[in-house]
PDB file of N, CA and C in Angstrom:
ATOM      1  N   MET A   1      -4.223   3.379   2.473  1.00  0.00           N
ATOM      2  CA  MET A   1      -3.541   4.529   1.314  1.00  0.00           C
ATOM      3  C   MET A   1      -2.709   3.547   0.252  1.00  0.00           C
ATOM      4  N   GLY A   2      -3.529   3.719  -1.194  1.00  0.00           N
ATOM      5  CA  GLY A   2      -2.603   3.048  -1.893  1.00  0.00           C
ATOM      6  C   GLY A   2      -1.748   3.576  -2.496  1.00  0.00           C
ATOM      7  N   VAL A   3      -0.728   2.825  -3.589  1.00  0.00           N
ATOM      8  CA  VAL A   3       0.126   3.152  -4.230  1.00  0.00           C
ATOM      9  C   VAL A   3       0.470   4.614  -4.603  1.00  0.00           C
ATOM     10  N   GLY A   4      -1.134   4.915  -5.706  1.00  0.00           N
ATOM     11  CA  GLY A   4      -1.130   5.865  -6.160  1.00  0.00           C
ATOM     12  C   GLY A   4      -1.031   6.981  -5.340  1.00  0.00           C
ATOM     13  N   ILE A   5      -1.997   7.094  -4.160  1.00  0.00           N
ATOM     14  CA  ILE A   5      -2.331   8.636  -3.385  1.00  0.00           C
ATOM     15  C   ILE A   5      -0.762   8.304  -2.963  1.00  0.00           C
ATOM     16  N   SER A   6      -0.087   7.589  -2.499  1.00  0.00           N
ATOM     17  CA  SER A   6       1.447   8.104  -1.774  1.00  0.00           C
ATOM     18  C   SER A   6       2.160   8.198  -2.744  1.00  0.00           C
ATOM     19  N   ILE A   7       2.287   8.338  -3.935  1.00  0.00           N
ATOM     20  CA  ILE A   7       3.270   8.982  -5.170  1.00  0.00           C
ATOM     21  C   ILE A   7       2.479  10.199  -5.400  1.00  0.00           C
ATOM     22  N   PHE A   8       1.077  10.649  -5.346  1.00  0.00           N
ATOM     23  CA  PHE A   8       0.918  12.129  -5.291  1.00  0.00           C
ATOM     24  C   PHE A   8       0.658  12.035  -3.913  1.00  0.00           C
ATOM     25  N   LEU A   9       1.193  12.229  -2.864  1.00  0.00           N
ATOM     26  CA  LEU A   9       1.559  12.631  -2.053  1.00  0.00           C
ATOM     27  C   LEU A   9       3.233  12.968  -1.977  1.00  0.00           C
ATOM     28  N   LEU A  10       4.031  12.382  -2.612  1.00  0.00           N
ATOM     29  CA  LEU A  10       5.174  12.276  -2.762  1.00  0.00           C
ATOM     30  C   LEU A  10       6.037  13.404  -3.873  1.00  0.00           C
ATOM     31  N   ALA A  11       4.765  13.593  -4.618  1.00  0.00           N
ATOM     32  CA  ALA A  11       4.856  14.578  -5.891  1.00  0.00           C
ATOM     33  C   ALA A  11       4.582  16.103  -5.439  1.00  0.00           C
ATOM     34  N   LEU A  12       3.518  15.806  -4.711  1.00  0.00           N
ATOM     35  CA  LEU A  12       3.031  17.120  -4.385  1.00  0.00           C
ATOM     36  C   LEU A  12       3.955  17.484  -3.037  1.00  0.00           C
ATOM     37  N   GLY A  13       4.665  16.597  -2.145  1.00  0.00           N
ATOM     38  CA  GLY A  13       5.252  17.186  -1.247  1.00  0.00           C
ATOM     39  C   GLY A  13       6.913  18.046  -2.364  1.00  0.00           C
ATOM     40  N   ALA A  14       7.735  17.560  -3.339  1.00  0.00           N
ATOM     41  CA  ALA A  14       8.272  17.489  -3.511  1.00  0.00           C
ATOM     42  C   ALA A  14       7.658  19.048  -4.292  1.00  0.00           C
ATOM     43  N   ILE A  15       7.212  19.069  -4.574  1.00  0.00           N
ATOM     44  CA  ILE A  15       6.658  20.616  -5.738  1.00  0.00           C
ATOM     45  C   ILE A  15       6.565  21.340  -4.908  1.00  0.00           C
ATOM     46  N   LEU A  16       5.990  21.457  -3.379  1.00  0.00           N
ATOM     47  CA  LEU A  16       5.731  22.475  -2.228  1.00  0.00           C
ATOM     48  C   LEU A  16       7.123  22.569  -1.548  1.00  0.00           C
ATOM     49  N   ALA A  17       8.471  21.428  -1.664  1.00  0.00           N
ATOM     50  CA  ALA A  17       9.437  21.881  -0.839  1.00  0.00           C
ATOM     51  C   ALA A  17      10.315  22.367  -1.839  1.00  0.00           C
ATOM     52  N   PHE A  18      10.449  21.786  -3.431  1.00  0.00           N
ATOM     53  CA  PHE A  18      11.404  22.931  -3.964  1.00  0.00           C
ATOM     54  C   PHE A  18      10.920  23.624  -5.124  1.00  0.00           C
ATOM     55  N   ALA A  19       9.792  23.896  -5.493  1.00  0.00           N
ATOM     56  CA  ALA A  19       9.259  24.713  -6.827  1.00  0.00           C
ATOM     57  C   ALA A  19       8.262  25.633  -5.982  1.00  0.00           C
ATOM     58  N   VAL A  20       7.763  25.939  -5.122  1.00  0.00           N
ATOM     59  CA  VAL A  20       7.171  27.142  -4.955  1.00  0.00           C
ATOM     60  C   VAL A  20       8.209  27.599  -3.975  1.00  0.00           C
ATOM     61  N   THR A  21       8.138  29.008  -4.131  1.00  0.00           N
ATOM     62  CA  THR A  21       8.571  30.436  -3.637  1.00  0.00           C
ATOM     63  C   THR A  21       7.815  31.000  -2.883  1.00  0.00           C
ATOM     64  N   GLY A  22       6.566  30.908  -2.817  1.00  0.00           N
ATOM     65  CA  GLY A  22       5.777  32.094  -2.502  1.00  0.00           C
ATOM     66  C   GLY A  22       5.626  31.795  -0.929  1.00  0.00           C
ATOM     67  N   GLU A  23       5.236  32.503  -0.024  1.00  0.00           N
ATOM     68  CA  GLU A  23       5.203  32.564   1.105  1.00  0.00           C
ATOM     69  C   GLU A  23       3.824  32.535   2.287  1.00  0.00           C
ATOM     70  N   VAL A  24       3.466  31.775   2.532  1.00  0.00           N
ATOM     71  CA  VAL A  24       2.297  32.137   3.414  1.00  0.00           C
ATOM     72  C   VAL A  24       2.440  32.183   4.875  1.00  0.00           C
ATOM     73  N   SER A  25       1.637  33.331   5.542  1.00  0.00           N
ATOM     74  CA  SER A  25       1.633  33.732   6.952  1.00  0.00           C
ATOM     75  C   SER A  25       1.581  32.455   7.927  1.00  0.00           C
ATOM     76  N   GLY A  26       2.137  31.978   8.672  1.00  0.00           N
ATOM     77  CA  GLY A  26       2.140  30.861   9.270  1.00  0.00           C
ATOM     78  C   GLY A  26       2.603  29.944   9.653  1.00  0.00           C
ATOM     79  N   ILE A  27       2.948  29.344   7.615  1.00  0.00           N
ATOM     80  CA  ILE A  27       2.868  27.894   7.359  1.00  0.00           C
ATOM     81  C   ILE A  27       4.302  28.275   6.619  1.00  0.00           C
ATOM     82  N   ASP A  28       5.410  27.446   6.837  1.00  0.00           N
ATOM     83  CA  ASP A  28       6.766  26.940   6.282  1.00  0.00           C
ATOM     84  C   ASP A  28       6.356  25.694   5.031  1.00  0.00           C
ATOM     85  N   LEU A  29       6.278  26.342   3.913  1.00  0.00           N
ATOM     86  CA  LEU A  29       5.735  25.195   2.923  1.00  0.00           C
ATOM     87  C   LEU A  29       7.035  24.271   2.686  1.00  0.00           C
ATOM     88  N   ASP A  30       8.169  24.572   2.548  1.00  0.00           N
ATOM     89  CA  ASP A  30       9.056  23.729   2.855  1.00  0.00           C
ATOM     90  C   ASP A  30       9.121  22.492   3.748  1.00  0.00           C
ATOM     91  N   ILE A  31       8.801  23.110   4.865  1.00  0.00           N
ATOM     92  CA  ILE A  31       8.400  21.987   6.158  1.00  0.00           C
ATOM     93  C   ILE A  31       6.638  20.894   5.655  1.00  0.00           C
ATOM     94  N   VAL A  32       6.210  21.535   4.845  1.00  0.00           N
ATOM     95  CA  VAL A  32       4.906  21.423   4.739  1.00  0.00           C
ATOM     96  C   VAL A  32       5.101  20.161   3.521  1.00  0.00           C
ATOM     97  N   GLY A  33       5.900  20.637   2.858  1.00  0.00           N
ATOM     98  CA  GLY A  33       6.237  19.494   1.725  1.00  0.00           C
ATOM     99  C   GLY A  33       7.049  18.236   1.913  1.00  0.00           C
ATOM    100  N   PHE A  34       8.005  18.496   2.961  1.00  0.00           N
ATOM    101  CA  PHE A  34       9.035  17.243   3.677  1.00  0.00           C
ATOM    102  C   PHE A  34       8.021  16.232   4.288  1.00  0.00           C
ATOM    103  N   VAL A  35       7.330  16.949   4.837  1.00  0.00           N
ATOM    104  CA  VAL A  35       6.104  15.696   5.608  1.00  0.00           C
ATOM    105  C   VAL A  35       5.332  15.384   4.880  1.00  0.00           C
ATOM    106  N   LEU A  36       4.947  15.956   3.545  1.00  0.00           N
ATOM    107  CA  LEU A  36       4.155  15.182   2.575  1.00  0.00           C
ATOM    108  C   LEU A  36       5.215  14.487   1.626  1.00  0.00           C
ATOM    109  N   MET A  37       6.366  14.532   1.841  1.00  0.00           N
ATOM    110  CA  MET A  37       7.012  13.209   0.968  1.00  0.00           C
ATOM    111  C   MET A  37       7.486  12.740   1.851  1.00  0.00           C
ATOM    112  N   ALA A  38       7.371  12.503   3.319  1.00  0.00           N
ATOM    113  CA  ALA A  38       7.580  11.344   4.332  1.00  0.00           C
ATOM    114  C   ALA A  38       6.043  10.463   4.340  1.00  0.00           C
ATOM    115  N   VAL A  39       5.369  11.190   4.337  1.00  0.00           N
ATOM    116  CA  VAL A  39       3.811  10.612   4.482  1.00  0.00           C
ATOM    117  C   VAL A  39       3.977   9.350   3.134  1.00  0.00           C
ATOM    118  N   GLY A  40       4.372   9.864   1.786  1.00  0.00           N
ATOM    119  CA  GLY A  40       4.002   9.489   0.660  1.00  0.00           C
ATOM    120  C   GLY A  40       5.054   8.244   0.645  1.00  0.00           C
ATOM    121  N   VAL A  41       6.172   8.269   1.081  1.00  0.00           N
ATOM    122  CA  VAL A  41       7.305   7.163   1.210  1.00  0.00           C
ATOM    123  C   VAL A  41       6.899   6.148   2.154  1.00  0.00           C
ATOM    124  N   VAL A  42       6.239   6.638   3.147  1.00  0.00           N
ATOM    125  CA  VAL A  42       5.912   5.814   4.585  1.00  0.00           C
ATOM    126  C   VAL A  42       4.408   5.001   3.495  1.00  0.00           C
ATOM    127  N   GLY A  43       4.057   5.840   3.065  1.00  0.00           N
ATOM    128  CA  GLY A  43       2.659   4.910   2.485  1.00  0.00           C
ATOM    129  C   GLY A  43       3.263   4.038   1.328  1.00  0.00           C
ATOM    130  N   ILE A  44       3.992   4.094   0.636  1.00  0.00           N
ATOM    131  CA  ILE A  44       4.059   3.113  -0.622  1.00  0.00           C
ATOM    132  C   ILE A  44       5.248   2.207  -0.015  1.00  0.00           C
ATOM    133  N   ILE A  45       6.004   2.019   1.448  1.00  0.00           N
ATOM    134  CA  ILE A  45       6.145   1.182   2.067  1.00  0.00           C
ATOM    135  C   ILE A  45       5.016  -0.188   2.388  1.00  0.00           C
ATOM    136  N   ILE A  46       4.311   0.716   2.994  1.00  0.00           N
ATOM    137  CA  ILE A  46       3.612   0.018   4.206  1.00  0.00           C
ATOM    138  C   ILE A  46       2.480  -0.445   2.681  1.00  0.00           C
ATOM    139  N   SER A  47       2.095   0.183   1.628  1.00  0.00           N
ATOM    140  CA  SER A  47       0.934  -0.617   0.519  1.00  0.00           C
ATOM    141  C   SER A  47       2.283  -1.566  -0.052  1.00  0.00           C
ATOM    142  N   LEU A  48       3.375  -1.833  -0.371  1.00  0.00           N
ATOM    143  CA  LEU A  48       3.991  -2.662  -0.821  1.00  0.00           C
ATOM    144  C   LEU A  48       4.298  -3.919   0.071  1.00  0.00           C
ATOM    145  N   VAL A  49       4.555  -3.579   1.040  1.00  0.00           N
ATOM    146  CA  VAL A  49       4.149  -4.807   2.427  1.00  0.00           C
ATOM    147  C   VAL A  49       2.871  -5.668   2.383  1.00  0.00           C
ATOM    148  N   LEU A  50       2.017  -4.441   1.988  1.00  0.00           N
ATOM    149  CA  LEU A  50       0.825  -5.540   2.371  1.00  0.00           C
ATOM    150  C   LEU A  50       0.307  -6.319   1.190  1.00  0.00           C
ATOM    151  N   MET A  51       0.992  -5.658   0.305  1.00  0.00           N
ATOM    152  CA  MET A  51       0.660  -6.383  -0.858  1.00  0.00           C
ATOM    153  C   MET A  51       1.608  -7.853  -1.278  1.00  0.00           C
ATOM    154  N   ASN A  52       2.425  -7.753  -0.803  1.00  0.00           N
ATOM    155  CA  ASN A  52       3.322  -9.013  -0.596  1.00  0.00           C
ATOM    156  C   ASN A  52       2.531  -9.606   0.516  1.00  0.00           C
ATOM    157  N   GLN A  53       2.298  -9.659   1.387  1.00  0.00           N
ATOM    158  CA  GLN A  53       1.518 -10.721   2.252  1.00  0.00           C
ATOM    159  C   GLN A  53       0.361 -11.328   1.882  1.00  0.00           C
ATOM    160  N   ARG A  54      -0.505 -10.348   0.680  1.00  0.00           N
ATOM    161  CA  ARG A  54      -1.615 -10.900   0.154  1.00  0.00           C
ATOM    162  C   ARG A  54      -0.860 -11.959  -0.741  1.00  0.00           C
ATOM    163  N   SER A  55       0.146 -11.735  -1.084  1.00  0.00           N
ATOM    164  CA  SER A  55       0.157 -12.803  -2.355  1.00  0.00           C
ATOM    165  C   SER A  55       1.193 -14.040  -1.949  1.00  0.00           C
ATOM    166  N   ASN A  56       1.136 -14.069  -0.558  1.00  0.00           N
ATOM    167  CA  ASN A  56       1.769 -15.008  -0.037  1.00  0.00           C
ATOM    168  C   ASN A  56       0.775 -16.076   0.628  1.00  0.00           C
ATOM    169  N   THR A  57      -0.523 -16.089   0.268  1.00  0.00           N
ATOM    170  CA  THR A  57      -1.550 -17.198   0.931  1.00  0.00           C
ATOM    171  C   THR A  57      -1.514 -18.044   0.167  1.00  0.00           C
ATOM    172  N   SER A  58      -1.397 -18.765   1.081  1.00  0.00           N
ATOM    173  CA  SER A  58      -1.782 -20.688   0.510  1.00  0.00           C
ATOM    174  C   SER A  58      -3.144 -20.813   0.369  1.00  0.00           C
ATOM    175  N   HIS A  59      -3.626 -21.912  -0.548  1.00  0.00           N
ATOM    176  CA  HIS A  59      -5.131 -22.515  -0.484  1.00  0.00           C
ATOM    177  C   HIS A  59      -5.259 -24.106   0.038  1.00  0.00           C
ATOM    178  N   ARG A  60      -6.000 -24.643   0.540  1.00  0.00           N
ATOM    179  CA  ARG A  60      -6.203 -25.785   0.636  1.00  0.00           C
ATOM    180  C   ARG A  60      -7.546 -26.573   0.329  1.00  0.00           C
ATOM    181  N   VAL A  61      -7.527 -27.285  -0.307  1.00  0.00           N
ATOM    182  CA  VAL A  61      -8.513 -28.337  -1.234  1.00  0.00           C
ATOM    183  C   VAL A  61      -8.931 -29.483  -0.468  1.00  0.00           C
ATOM    184  N   VAL A  62     -10.072 -29.719  -0.140  1.00  0.00           N
ATOM    185  CA  VAL A  62     -10.526 -30.920   0.623  1.00  0.00           C
ATOM    186  C   VAL A  62     -11.419 -31.181  -0.075  1.00  0.00           C
ATOM    187  N   GLU A  63     -11.184 -32.305  -0.400  1.00  0.00           N
ATOM    188  CA  GLU A  63     -11.841 -33.099  -1.402  1.00  0.00           C
ATOM    189  C   GLU A  63     -12.924 -34.454  -0.289  1.00  0.00           C
ATOM    190  N   GLU A  64     -13.770 -34.275  -0.355  1.00  0.00           N
ATOM    191  CA  GLU A  64     -14.538 -35.665   0.351  1.00  0.00           C
ATOM    192  C   GLU A  64     -14.826 -36.836  -0.367  1.00  0.00           C
ATOM    193  N   ARG A  65     -14.981 -38.090  -0.029  1.00  0.00           N
ATOM    194  CA  ARG A  65     -14.796 -38.987  -1.030  1.00  0.00           C
ATOM    195  C   ARG A  65     -15.842 -40.275  -0.055  1.00  0.00           C
ATOM    196  N   ARG A  66     -16.551 -40.866  -0.399  1.00  0.00           N
ATOM    197  CA  ARG A  66     -17.388 -41.552  -0.007  1.00  0.00           C
ATOM    198  C   ARG A  66     -17.155 -43.028  -0.997  1.00  0.00           C
ATOM    199  N   TYR A  67     -17.024 -44.346   0.148  1.00  0.00           N
ATOM    200  CA  TYR A  67     -16.778 -45.534  -0.202  1.00  0.00           C
ATOM    201  C   TYR A  67     -17.798 -46.422   0.551  1.00  0.00           C
ATOM    202  N   ARG A  68     -18.275 -47.172  -0.979  1.00  0.00           N
ATOM    203  CA  ARG A  68     -19.394 -48.150  -0.156  1.00  0.00           C
ATOM    204  C   ARG A  68     -18.623 -49.314   0.518  1.00  0.00           C
ATOM    205  N   ASP A  69     -19.284 -50.204   1.376  1.00  0.00           N
ATOM    206  CA  ASP A  69     -18.813 -51.171   2.223  1.00  0.00           C
ATOM    207  C   ASP A  69     -17.884 -52.590   1.450  1.00  0.00           C
ATOM    208  N   ASP A  70     -18.346 -52.022   0.356  1.00  0.00           N
ATOM    209  CA  ASP A  70     -17.006 -52.873  -0.712  1.00  0.00           C
ATOM    210  C   ASP A  70     -15.578 -52.405  -0.690  1.00  0.00           C
ATOM    211  N   GLY A  71     -15.400 -51.202  -0.618  1.00  0.00           N
ATOM    212  CA  GLY A  71     -14.656 -50.282  -1.313  1.00  0.00           C
ATOM    213  C   GLY A  71     -14.850 -49.626  -2.445  1.00  0.00           C
ATOM    214  N   THR A  72     -15.533 -49.355  -3.136  1.00  0.00           N
ATOM    215  CA  THR A  72     -15.769 -48.840  -4.153  1.00  0.00           C
ATOM    216  C   THR A  72     -15.892 -47.689  -4.176  1.00  0.00           C
ATOM    217  N   LEU A  73     -16.103 -46.434  -5.195  1.00  0.00           N
ATOM    218  CA  LEU A  73     -16.210 -45.058  -4.437  1.00  0.00           C
ATOM    219  C   LEU A  73     -18.086 -45.454  -5.184  1.00  0.00           C
ATOM    220  N   TYR A  74     -18.411 -44.021  -4.236  1.00  0.00           N
ATOM    221  CA  TYR A  74     -19.759 -43.837  -5.086  1.00  0.00           C
ATOM    222  C   TYR A  74     -20.205 -43.488  -6.511  1.00  0.00           C
TER     223      TYR A  74
END
């Protein structure tokens, strides 16, 4: 889940929790909204942690040098 999808879930959850006043039989829209907001926040945190780990990689360059018997490079 990327940052964009997490922000979308966070916004959708906020709309359901705070702006929608309608009722659906058998479903509490406030709870659904809070669950979507929690999933969005967790998704943002996980995405940021994974992006931070990707930026902390190191690379090693291996050079192969071949010498002649007299010590000079090919």
